[in-house]
Amino acid sequence: MSTPPRRPTPATGTIWSASPTPFTADGDLDQVGIENLVRQHAQLGVCGLFLGGSCGEGPFLPNRQRAELVESFRRAAGDDFHLAVQVSDTSAPRVQVNIAEAVTAGADSVVIAAPWLLRFVHPDSARRYFLETLERDWPVPVGIYILNQPPETGLDLDFWLEIAGHGNVAYVKDSTSKIEYRQALLALKRERPNLTLRTGDEFDVVAALADGYDGCLLGTAVLNAGLIGRAVEALGRGDRDAADRWQAHSNALLHDLFRPDISSWMPGLKHALKSLGLFTTEYAHIMGPLTDEDRYRIAAALEREKEYI
């Protein structure tokens, strides 16, 4: 079988969305919801869609359904969006199978986060998990997803700099919210100018972009990309004060949707998307109860911000 041509590194487009996954009441993919998501993201100015990440409940999807998800988004979106797919798993061989399946399904790039069951994985095994995969020649760019890890795992800043410094890493999603990680990754980018850095911190996009990050990859972009887009525009004009005001505006919306401590993130997100008519159900693998107060607050926030959503 011939190898498809390598797709270009995804360096353009400021706002990417870690898209949620719409399900039917039986847990199947909701094709109408996927079409709605494509239209919603286009309306808000999103350039890339990250499928099967944490927000997309990827760890809970069987491989067949993850491939179906990519194929469905590709059909609905055509070539209007860059499609990145999370392929993380428990071992390098499993990640490599996931990459091959994602490419066949239509992925433009793939993203590897730390292995599942990380608490049982030695740092040397985690290093092999990334490096064995990165050493192979893939037809699409490979990104890595950096999340905070417990100290006992050994996946610290030095570990991530080693992985991000590999020549086959095209881009990084940094969701640590730590200034020392940002500074170190920016220093790495000065050594590797083609490395694309995207912040995953919805609450601090402006500061990351002002410091030199190339863009953002947000689990909330389906709702707040309109506000973050205005912050990005203000920053491009050199108006940092206005950019910070738009960031604060976005943060207030997110706190209303997910509570100030973000404890209702997934149920709040699914409820908001169903309330907007984008999803037909609130089915989720990651779920928790919403209170009547939560529902009232979410409804009020969606009405207040309808100009931007």
Protein backbone atom coordinates (compact mmCIF):
# COMPACT_ATOMS: atom_id res chain seq x y z
CA MET A 1 0.00 0.00 0.00
CA SER A 2 1.41 3.39 -0.98
CA THR A 3 2.16 5.94 1.76
CA PRO A 4 0.08 9.13 1.51
CA PRO A 5 2.05 12.37 1.17
CA ARG A 6 3.10 14.06 4.40
CA ARG A 7 0.73 16.86 5.27
CA PRO A 8 2.18 20.24 6.26
CA THR A 9 2.92 21.23 9.84
CA PRO A 10 -0.15 22.97 11.33
CA ALA A 11 1.42 26.34 12.11
CA THR A 12 -1.38 28.68 11.03
CA GLY A 13 -4.70 29.60 12.60
CA THR A 14 -4.76 31.06 16.08
CA ILE A 15 -7.79 29.37 17.65
CA TRP A 16 -8.27 25.62 17.67
CA SER A 17 -11.04 23.80 19.52
CA ALA A 18 -10.73 20.63 21.56
CA SER A 19 -14.15 19.66 20.32
CA PRO A 20 -16.67 17.86 22.51
CA THR A 21 -18.25 14.72 21.09
CA PRO A 22 -22.03 14.60 20.53
CA PHE A 23 -23.77 11.33 21.36
CA THR A 24 -27.24 9.92 20.93
CA ALA A 25 -29.10 8.66 23.99
CA ASP A 26 -27.64 5.19 23.27
CA GLY A 27 -24.02 6.41 23.15
CA ASP A 28 -23.68 6.32 19.38
CA LEU A 29 -22.25 9.32 17.54
CA ASP A 30 -24.83 11.99 16.79
CA GLN A 31 -24.26 12.91 13.15
CA VAL A 32 -26.56 15.94 13.36
CA GLY A 33 -24.56 17.17 16.34
CA ILE A 34 -21.32 16.81 14.37
CA GLU A 35 -22.73 18.91 11.53
CA ASN A 36 -23.89 21.51 14.06
CA LEU A 37 -20.42 21.61 15.62
CA VAL A 38 -18.79 22.25 12.26
CA ARG A 39 -21.11 25.20 11.61
CA GLN A 40 -20.69 26.55 15.13
CA HIS A 41 -16.91 26.43 15.01
CA ALA A 42 -16.84 28.06 11.57
CA GLN A 43 -19.11 30.85 12.81
CA LEU A 44 -16.79 31.54 15.74
CA GLY A 45 -13.62 31.67 13.62
CA VAL A 46 -12.04 28.39 14.76
CA CYS A 47 -9.38 27.03 12.37
CA GLY A 48 -8.60 23.58 13.77
CA LEU A 49 -10.54 20.83 15.53
CA PHE A 50 -8.90 18.50 18.04
CA LEU A 51 -10.92 15.28 18.17
CA GLY A 52 -10.91 12.60 20.84
CA GLY A 53 -9.09 14.64 23.49
CA SER A 54 -10.17 14.93 27.11
CA CYS A 55 -13.02 17.25 26.18
CA GLY A 56 -13.97 14.87 23.37
CA GLU A 57 -13.97 11.92 25.82
CA GLY A 58 -11.45 10.15 23.62
CA PRO A 59 -10.14 7.79 26.34
CA PHE A 60 -13.63 6.32 26.59
CA LEU A 61 -14.17 5.71 22.88
CA PRO A 62 -13.45 2.34 21.26
CA ASN A 63 -11.10 2.57 18.30
CA ARG A 64 -13.97 1.94 15.89
CA GLN A 65 -15.92 4.90 17.24
CA ARG A 66 -12.89 7.20 17.25
CA ALA A 67 -12.30 6.40 13.57
CA GLU A 68 -15.98 7.00 12.86
CA LEU A 69 -15.72 10.35 14.67
CA VAL A 70 -12.84 11.48 12.44
CA GLU A 71 -14.53 10.25 9.28
CA SER A 72 -17.76 12.04 10.23
CA PHE A 73 -16.04 15.33 10.92
CA ARG A 74 -14.09 15.06 7.68
CA ARG A 75 -17.29 14.54 5.70
CA ALA A 76 -19.03 17.43 7.46
CA ALA A 77 -16.09 19.85 7.38
CA GLY A 78 -14.44 19.00 4.10
CA ASP A 79 -11.08 20.76 4.03
CA ASP A 80 -12.29 23.81 5.97
CA PHE A 81 -10.63 22.73 9.23
CA HIS A 82 -7.37 21.11 10.24
CA LEU A 83 -8.37 17.88 12.02
CA ALA A 84 -6.04 16.79 14.81
CA VAL A 85 -6.74 13.50 16.61
CA GLN A 86 -5.58 12.36 20.02
CA VAL A 87 -4.03 8.89 19.79
CA SER A 88 -2.80 8.35 23.36
CA ASP A 89 -2.97 4.86 24.85
CA THR A 90 -1.10 2.55 27.21
CA SER A 91 1.92 1.64 25.07
CA ALA A 92 3.87 2.74 22.01
CA PRO A 93 2.56 -0.14 19.85
CA ARG A 94 -1.03 0.79 20.68
CA VAL A 95 -0.34 4.47 19.95
CA GLN A 96 1.12 3.50 16.58
CA VAL A 97 -1.97 1.48 15.68
CA ASN A 98 -4.11 4.46 16.69
CA ILE A 99 -2.06 6.79 14.48
CA ALA A 100 -2.44 4.54 11.46
CA GLU A 101 -6.20 4.32 12.01
CA ALA A 102 -6.52 8.09 12.50
CA VAL A 103 -4.62 8.80 9.27
CA THR A 104 -6.80 6.37 7.35
CA ALA A 105 -9.90 8.05 8.79
CA GLY A 106 -8.76 11.48 7.59
CA ALA A 107 -6.65 13.07 10.33
CA ASP A 108 -4.36 15.96 9.34
CA SER A 109 -2.20 15.51 12.44
CA VAL A 110 -2.12 13.41 15.59
CA VAL A 111 -1.46 14.27 19.23
CA ILE A 112 0.10 12.11 21.94
CA ALA A 113 -0.50 12.75 25.63
CA ALA A 114 1.02 10.79 28.51
CA PRO A 115 0.06 7.09 28.62
CA TRP A 116 -3.12 6.07 30.37
CA LEU A 117 -2.49 4.31 33.73
CA LEU A 118 0.48 6.64 34.15
CA ARG A 119 0.74 5.99 37.88
CA PHE A 120 1.91 2.45 37.04
CA VAL A 121 4.39 3.52 34.36
CA HIS A 122 8.09 4.16 35.12
CA PRO A 123 9.51 7.38 33.56
CA ASP A 124 11.79 5.27 31.37
CA SER A 125 8.76 3.45 30.00
CA ALA A 126 6.97 6.76 29.43
CA ARG A 127 10.04 8.04 27.57
CA ARG A 128 10.03 4.93 25.37
CA TYR A 129 6.26 5.36 24.83
CA PHE A 130 6.90 8.74 23.17
CA LEU A 131 10.29 8.23 21.55
CA GLU A 132 9.57 4.88 19.88
CA THR A 133 6.60 6.51 18.17
CA LEU A 134 8.40 9.75 17.30
CA GLU A 135 11.28 7.87 15.69
CA ARG A 136 8.94 6.47 13.05
CA ASP A 137 8.15 8.28 9.81
CA TRP A 138 4.47 9.25 9.83
CA PRO A 139 2.60 10.86 6.92
CA VAL A 140 1.09 13.51 9.20
CA PRO A 141 2.64 15.88 11.77
CA VAL A 142 2.78 14.69 15.38
CA GLY A 143 2.04 16.92 18.34
CA ILE A 144 2.35 16.32 22.07
CA TYR A 145 -0.07 17.31 24.81
CA ILE A 146 1.54 18.40 28.09
CA LEU A 147 -0.60 18.12 31.22
CA ASN A 148 0.40 18.50 34.85
CA GLN A 149 1.42 15.14 36.30
CA PRO A 150 1.94 14.06 39.92
CA PRO A 151 5.59 14.47 41.01
CA GLU A 152 5.95 10.75 41.66
CA THR A 153 5.48 9.97 37.95
CA GLY A 154 8.76 11.69 37.07
CA LEU A 155 7.14 13.45 34.12
CA ASP A 156 8.54 16.83 35.04
CA LEU A 157 9.67 19.84 33.02
CA ASP A 158 12.96 18.21 32.00
CA PHE A 159 11.08 15.16 30.73
CA TRP A 160 8.71 17.26 28.61
CA LEU A 161 11.52 19.40 27.21
CA GLU A 162 13.28 16.23 26.09
CA ILE A 163 10.14 15.00 24.31
CA ALA A 164 9.17 18.40 22.86
CA GLY A 165 12.74 18.85 21.66
CA HIS A 166 12.55 15.80 19.41
CA GLY A 167 12.86 16.86 15.80
CA ASN A 168 9.67 15.05 14.79
CA VAL A 169 7.45 16.96 17.22
CA ALA A 170 5.60 19.54 15.13
CA TYR A 171 3.57 21.24 17.84
CA VAL A 172 2.81 21.30 21.55
CA LYS A 173 -0.40 21.82 23.46
CA ASP A 174 0.65 23.19 26.86
CA SER A 175 -2.12 22.84 29.45
CA THR A 176 0.07 23.13 32.52
CA SER A 177 -0.80 26.78 33.30
CA LYS A 178 2.73 27.08 34.71
CA ILE A 179 4.92 30.05 33.83
CA GLU A 180 8.12 28.00 34.15
CA TYR A 181 6.84 25.60 31.49
CA ARG A 182 5.88 28.50 29.23
CA GLN A 183 9.28 30.13 29.57
CA ALA A 184 11.12 26.86 28.96
CA LEU A 185 9.01 25.97 25.92
CA LEU A 186 9.52 29.44 24.46
CA ALA A 187 13.28 29.02 24.94
CA LEU A 188 13.01 25.68 23.11
CA LYS A 189 11.08 27.39 20.32
CA ARG A 190 13.95 29.85 19.86
CA GLU A 191 16.16 26.81 19.17
CA ARG A 192 13.47 25.19 17.00
CA PRO A 193 11.60 28.06 15.26
CA ASN A 194 9.34 25.65 13.37
CA LEU A 195 7.91 24.27 16.63
CA THR A 196 4.33 25.53 17.10
CA LEU A 197 3.20 26.25 20.67
CA ARG A 198 -0.47 26.33 21.62
CA THR A 199 -1.80 27.07 25.08
CA GLY A 200 -4.57 24.89 26.44
CA ASP A 201 -5.32 27.27 29.33
CA GLU A 202 -8.66 28.89 28.50
CA PHE A 203 -8.25 31.38 31.32
CA ASP A 204 -4.87 32.79 30.28
CA VAL A 205 -4.78 32.82 26.48
CA VAL A 206 -3.85 36.48 26.14
CA ALA A 207 -0.76 36.23 28.35
CA ALA A 208 0.50 33.13 26.51
CA LEU A 209 0.07 34.76 23.10
CA ALA A 210 1.66 37.99 24.31
CA ASP A 211 4.66 35.98 25.51
CA GLY A 212 5.10 34.32 22.11
CA TYR A 213 2.81 31.30 21.83
CA ASP A 214 1.44 30.76 18.33
CA GLY A 215 -2.15 30.05 19.26
CA CYS A 216 -4.53 28.25 21.57
CA LEU A 217 -6.26 24.87 21.67
CA LEU A 218 -9.23 25.19 23.99
CA GLY A 219 -11.74 22.73 25.37
CA THR A 220 -14.23 25.58 25.59
CA ALA A 221 -13.73 27.15 22.15
CA VAL A 222 -17.09 25.86 20.93
CA LEU A 223 -18.59 28.46 23.29
CA ASN A 224 -15.97 31.13 23.96
CA ALA A 225 -13.99 31.35 20.70
CA GLY A 226 -15.91 34.48 19.75
CA LEU A 227 -14.70 36.24 22.87
CA ILE A 228 -11.14 34.90 22.62
CA GLY A 229 -11.09 35.89 18.95
CA ARG A 230 -11.81 39.48 19.95
CA ALA A 231 -9.02 39.29 22.51
CA VAL A 232 -6.65 38.04 19.81
CA GLU A 233 -7.67 40.87 17.49
CA ALA A 234 -7.06 43.46 20.22
CA LEU A 235 -3.67 41.95 20.96
CA GLY A 236 -2.80 42.14 17.27
CA ARG A 237 -3.61 45.86 17.33
CA GLY A 238 -1.26 46.30 20.28
CA ASP A 239 -4.15 47.01 22.68
CA ARG A 240 -3.27 44.75 25.60
CA ASP A 241 -5.82 46.40 27.91
CA ALA A 242 -8.67 45.57 25.54
CA ALA A 243 -7.32 42.05 25.07
CA ASP A 244 -7.28 41.54 28.84
CA ARG A 245 -10.87 42.80 29.10
CA TRP A 246 -12.04 40.30 26.50
CA GLN A 247 -10.15 37.55 28.36
CA ALA A 248 -11.87 38.55 31.60
CA HIS A 249 -15.21 38.56 29.75
CA SER A 250 -14.53 35.02 28.53
CA ASN A 251 -13.46 33.86 31.98
CA ALA A 252 -16.69 35.14 33.53
CA LEU A 253 -18.69 33.16 30.95
CA LEU A 254 -16.73 29.98 31.67
CA HIS A 255 -17.20 30.33 35.42
CA ASP A 256 -20.94 30.70 34.89
CA LEU A 257 -21.04 27.61 32.71
CA PHE A 258 -18.77 25.36 34.76
CA ARG A 259 -18.83 26.93 38.29
CA PRO A 260 -15.88 28.96 39.60
CA ASP A 261 -13.98 25.78 40.52
CA ILE A 262 -14.75 24.16 37.11
CA SER A 263 -16.29 21.18 38.92
CA SER A 264 -19.23 20.99 36.48
CA TRP A 265 -17.10 21.18 33.34
CA MET A 266 -18.46 18.25 31.29
CA PRO A 267 -22.10 18.30 32.49
CA GLY A 268 -22.16 22.09 32.17
CA LEU A 269 -20.70 21.92 28.67
CA LYS A 270 -23.13 19.25 27.46
CA HIS A 271 -26.09 21.05 29.05
CA ALA A 272 -25.10 24.35 27.42
CA LEU A 273 -24.70 22.73 23.99
CA LYS A 274 -28.08 21.00 24.25
CA SER A 275 -29.67 24.26 25.42
CA LEU A 276 -28.29 25.97 22.31
CA GLY A 277 -29.73 23.25 20.09
CA LEU A 278 -26.29 22.07 18.97
CA PHE A 279 -26.56 18.68 20.71
CA THR A 280 -29.69 16.54 20.88
CA THR A 281 -28.75 14.88 24.19
CA GLU A 282 -26.51 15.50 27.20
CA TYR A 283 -25.10 11.97 27.07
CA ALA A 284 -21.50 11.83 28.34
CA HIS A 285 -19.05 9.27 29.65
CA ILE A 286 -17.72 11.89 32.10
CA MET A 287 -20.77 13.07 33.98
CA GLY A 288 -21.89 14.58 37.26
CA PRO A 289 -25.09 16.10 38.55
CA LEU A 290 -26.14 19.66 37.79
CA THR A 291 -28.23 21.54 40.31
CA ASP A 292 -31.21 23.73 39.51
CA GLU A 293 -28.97 26.67 40.39
CA ASP A 294 -26.44 25.49 37.79
CA ARG A 295 -29.10 25.25 35.10
CA TYR A 296 -30.48 28.69 35.90
CA ARG A 297 -26.98 30.22 35.86
CA ILE A 298 -26.09 28.54 32.55
CA ALA A 299 -29.35 29.69 30.93
CA ALA A 300 -28.73 33.26 32.09
CA ALA A 301 -25.14 33.21 30.81
CA LEU A 302 -26.14 31.87 27.39
CA GLU A 303 -28.81 34.54 27.04
CA ARG A 304 -26.42 37.28 28.17
CA GLU A 305 -23.68 36.21 25.76
CA LYS A 306 -25.80 35.22 22.74
CA GLU A 307 -24.19 37.96 20.67
CA TYR A 308 -20.83 36.22 20.99
CA ILE A 309 -21.93 32.56 21.00
